Protein backbone atom coordinates (compact mmCIF):
# COMPACT_ATOMS: atom_id res chain seq x y z
CA UNK A 1 0.00 0.00 0.00
CA UNK A 2 1.22 3.48 -0.91
CA UNK A 3 0.90 5.87 2.06
CA UNK A 4 0.96 9.50 0.91
CA UNK A 5 1.12 12.18 3.60
CA UNK A 6 -0.43 15.24 1.98
CA UNK A 7 -0.84 18.67 3.55
CA UNK A 8 -4.56 19.27 4.23
CA UNK A 9 -4.53 22.97 3.24
CA UNK A 10 -1.68 23.11 0.71
CA UNK A 11 -1.59 19.71 -1.03
CA UNK A 12 1.73 18.90 -2.70
CA UNK A 13 1.07 18.58 -6.48
CA UNK A 14 3.77 15.90 -6.85
CA UNK A 15 2.03 13.63 -4.36
CA UNK A 16 -1.40 14.32 -5.84
CA UNK A 17 0.00 13.28 -9.25
CA UNK A 18 1.25 10.03 -7.73
CA UNK A 19 -2.23 9.29 -6.37
CA UNK A 20 -3.88 10.11 -9.70
CA UNK A 21 -1.48 7.78 -11.56
CA UNK A 22 -2.49 4.96 -9.27
CA UNK A 23 -6.22 5.70 -9.61
CA UNK A 24 -5.88 5.65 -13.42
CA UNK A 25 -4.09 2.31 -13.10
CA UNK A 26 -7.18 0.86 -11.39
CA UNK A 27 -6.24 1.22 -7.73
CA UNK A 28 -8.59 1.68 -4.78
CA UNK A 29 -7.82 4.87 -2.84
CA UNK A 30 -8.80 6.12 0.61
CA UNK A 31 -8.73 9.89 0.98
CA UNK A 32 -9.88 12.68 3.31
CA UNK A 33 -12.99 14.74 2.53
CA UNK A 34 -14.65 17.70 4.20
CA UNK A 35 -16.34 15.17 6.50
CA UNK A 36 -14.91 11.71 7.24
CA UNK A 37 -12.52 9.70 5.08
CA UNK A 38 -13.92 8.12 1.91
CA UNK A 39 -12.96 5.23 -0.35
CA UNK A 40 -13.01 5.58 -4.12
CA UNK A 41 -11.87 4.51 -7.57
CA UNK A 42 -12.31 5.40 -11.25
CA UNK A 43 -15.98 5.44 -12.28
CA UNK A 44 -15.50 2.94 -15.11
CA UNK A 45 -13.44 0.42 -13.16
CA UNK A 46 -15.76 -2.47 -12.30
CA UNK A 47 -13.10 -4.58 -10.53
CA UNK A 48 -12.08 -1.70 -8.23
CA UNK A 49 -15.73 -0.94 -7.44
CA UNK A 50 -16.30 -4.60 -6.54
CA UNK A 51 -13.34 -4.43 -4.16
CA UNK A 52 -14.89 -1.38 -2.46
CA UNK A 53 -18.18 -3.27 -2.14
CA UNK A 54 -16.32 -6.19 -0.51
CA UNK A 55 -14.40 -3.96 1.91
CA UNK A 56 -17.61 -2.20 3.00
CA UNK A 57 -19.83 -5.29 2.52
CA UNK A 58 -22.28 -3.30 0.40
CA UNK A 59 -25.27 -4.96 -1.23
CA UNK A 60 -26.67 -4.36 -4.72
CA UNK A 61 -29.06 -1.69 -3.39
CA UNK A 62 -26.31 0.62 -2.17
CA UNK A 63 -26.54 4.15 -3.56
CA UNK A 64 -23.08 5.04 -4.84
CA UNK A 65 -22.00 8.63 -5.34
CA UNK A 66 -19.61 10.42 -7.64
CA UNK A 67 -17.29 13.16 -6.43
CA UNK A 68 -16.99 16.13 -8.82
CA UNK A 69 -14.83 19.25 -8.52
CA UNK A 70 -17.69 21.46 -9.80
CA UNK A 71 -20.99 21.31 -11.70
CA UNK A 72 -19.39 21.19 -15.17
CA UNK A 73 -19.85 17.40 -15.39
CA UNK A 74 -23.36 17.30 -14.01
CA UNK A 75 -25.22 17.02 -17.34
CA UNK A 76 -23.14 13.96 -18.24
CA UNK A 77 -24.21 12.02 -15.16
CA UNK A 78 -27.50 13.52 -13.92
CA UNK A 79 -30.70 14.87 -15.44
CA UNK A 80 -31.36 18.34 -14.02
CA UNK A 81 -33.58 21.15 -15.23
CA UNK A 82 -32.68 24.85 -15.01
CA UNK A 83 -34.34 25.35 -11.62
CA UNK A 84 -32.51 22.33 -10.16
CA UNK A 85 -29.21 23.49 -11.62
CA UNK A 86 -29.62 26.93 -10.00
CA UNK A 87 -30.47 25.29 -6.65
CA UNK A 88 -27.33 23.15 -6.82
CA UNK A 89 -25.16 26.07 -7.99
CA UNK A 90 -26.29 28.14 -5.01
CA UNK A 91 -25.62 25.31 -2.55
CA UNK A 92 -22.31 23.82 -3.70
CA UNK A 93 -19.58 23.07 -2.88
CA UNK A 94 -21.05 21.57 0.26
CA UNK A 95 -20.71 18.81 2.82
CA UNK A 96 -23.73 17.17 1.23
CA UNK A 97 -24.54 14.40 -1.22
CA UNK A 98 -27.38 15.04 -3.67
CA UNK A 99 -29.43 12.16 -5.09
CA UNK A 100 -30.34 12.91 -8.72
CA UNK A 101 -31.89 11.03 -11.67
CA UNK A 102 -29.03 9.33 -13.52
CA UNK A 103 -28.36 9.64 -17.26
CA UNK A 104 -27.58 6.71 -19.55
CA UNK A 105 -23.88 7.64 -19.26
CA UNK A 106 -23.83 6.28 -15.71
CA UNK A 107 -22.91 2.57 -15.57
CA UNK A 108 -25.92 0.59 -14.30
CA UNK A 109 -23.88 -0.87 -11.44
CA UNK A 110 -23.52 2.65 -9.96
CA UNK A 111 -27.23 3.45 -10.03
CA UNK A 112 -29.81 2.59 -7.42
CA UNK A 113 -31.32 -0.54 -9.05
CA UNK A 114 -34.95 0.58 -8.72
CA UNK A 115 -34.82 4.37 -8.64
CA UNK A 116 -32.12 4.79 -11.36
CA UNK A 117 -30.48 7.55 -9.33
CA UNK A 118 -26.89 8.60 -8.66
CA UNK A 119 -25.40 10.48 -5.74
CA UNK A 120 -23.45 13.65 -6.56
CA UNK A 121 -21.02 15.39 -4.24
CA UNK A 122 -18.93 18.54 -4.74
CA UNK A 123 -16.45 18.85 -1.87
CA UNK A 124 -14.71 21.88 -0.38
CA UNK A 125 -11.67 19.86 0.78
CA UNK A 126 -8.45 21.14 -0.92
CA UNK A 127 -7.02 17.61 -1.32
CA UNK A 128 -10.25 16.41 -3.00
CA UNK A 129 -10.38 19.44 -5.25
CA UNK A 130 -6.79 19.09 -6.47
CA UNK A 131 -7.17 15.32 -6.88
CA UNK A 132 -10.29 15.76 -9.05
CA UNK A 133 -8.74 18.53 -11.16
CA UNK A 134 -5.62 16.44 -11.82
CA UNK A 135 -7.71 13.35 -12.58
CA UNK A 136 -9.88 15.32 -15.00
CA UNK A 137 -13.01 13.31 -14.25
CA UNK A 138 -15.25 12.52 -11.27
CA UNK A 139 -14.35 9.80 -8.79
CA UNK A 140 -16.63 7.02 -7.60
CA UNK A 141 -16.89 7.52 -3.83
CA UNK A 142 -18.32 5.97 -0.68
CA UNK A 143 -17.96 7.06 2.95
CA UNK A 144 -15.46 4.82 4.76
CA UNK A 145 -17.76 3.08 7.23
CA UNK A 146 -16.63 -0.50 7.85
CA UNK A 147 -18.99 -3.46 8.43
CA UNK A 148 -20.41 -3.53 11.94
CA UNK A 149 -19.42 0.08 12.62
CA UNK A 150 -21.79 3.03 12.86
CA UNK A 151 -19.19 5.81 12.62
CA UNK A 152 -16.90 6.52 9.65
CA UNK A 153 -13.14 6.22 10.03
CA UNK A 154 -11.27 9.49 10.56
CA UNK A 155 -7.81 8.41 11.79
CA UNK A 156 -5.22 7.50 9.10
CA UNK A 157 -3.38 5.19 11.55
CA UNK A 158 -6.61 3.27 12.28
CA UNK A 159 -7.40 3.07 8.58
CA UNK A 160 -3.98 1.57 7.85
CA UNK A 161 -4.30 -0.90 10.73
CA UNK A 162 -7.79 -2.05 9.75
CA UNK A 163 -7.75 -2.10 5.94
CA UNK A 164 -4.21 -1.23 4.86
CA UNK A 165 -3.75 -4.65 3.22
CA UNK A 166 -6.99 -4.32 1.25
CA UNK A 167 -6.49 -0.91 -0.34
CA UNK A 168 -3.79 0.38 -2.70
CA UNK A 169 -3.36 4.04 -1.76
CA UNK A 170 -3.95 5.93 1.49
CA UNK A 171 -3.95 9.71 1.16
CA UNK A 172 -3.17 10.82 4.69
CA UNK A 173 -4.43 14.36 5.27
CA UNK A 174 -4.44 14.09 9.06
CA UNK A 175 -7.48 13.51 11.23
CA UNK A 176 -10.86 13.84 9.55
CA UNK A 177 -14.15 14.28 11.35
CA UNK A 178 -16.54 11.62 12.57
CA UNK A 179 -19.40 13.30 10.75
CA UNK A 180 -20.99 12.08 7.53
CA UNK A 181 -22.39 14.25 4.76
CA UNK A 182 -25.99 15.33 4.68
CA UNK A 183 -27.94 13.44 2.00
CA UNK A 184 -30.65 15.27 0.05
CA UNK A 185 -32.86 13.47 -2.47
CA UNK A 186 -33.61 15.74 -5.43
CA UNK A 187 -34.93 12.98 -7.70
CA UNK A 188 -38.63 13.53 -6.90
CA UNK A 189 -41.08 16.42 -7.11
CA UNK A 190 -39.62 18.14 -4.06
CA UNK A 191 -36.40 17.87 -1.98
CA UNK A 192 -36.28 15.26 0.79
CA UNK A 193 -33.55 15.32 3.45
CA UNK A 194 -32.62 11.63 3.86
CA UNK A 195 -29.79 12.19 6.34
CA UNK A 196 -28.86 15.21 8.41
CA UNK A 197 -25.09 15.29 8.57
CA UNK A 198 -22.48 18.03 8.48
CA UNK A 199 -23.96 19.87 5.48
CA UNK A 200 -26.45 22.72 5.84
CA UNK A 201 -29.84 21.48 4.60
CA UNK A 202 -31.93 24.60 5.37
CA UNK A 203 -32.34 25.45 1.66
CA UNK A 204 -34.00 22.08 1.06
CA UNK A 205 -36.43 21.91 3.99
């Protein structure tokens, strides 16, 4: 496992490039976000996604999310009208995941099997932002909550001890937080707050 210690406020471009190379090669990466740590891989990499599902013991109904650096990719992955786009533009980046109707560009394995939705997240975290800009595409992402645990992992040492042998890259940005993102479902006629986490949901209530 490659352990990269990256400054949380001023990420070193050389180390970010190393992480991106490994992601493009098909590796599974754990990285800090503006909430807890998350686990991710390239969107199109089925084998890496299956490894994430095994590590987290996720079933076929799990709602995956994609991490984007801004809204420029949104039309590729989600169907949004002008009003929805304005709502998202006014409320991102945020510590929130938005559930949106998926487009045909989204691999079926990433969608909710019945609702045909995808989660979308635009983080404020400097490491995430630089990682996504260097990668040049969104990242498949899932909060790092291990089987049998109710709280996400936020300590790089604990992450390495518990799953270091099962992941390929650990981006160590120091301690995260034990909070999860807020989850807001925008796939229906009106917004529904599914989970109140660290993100401000007042605009959607």
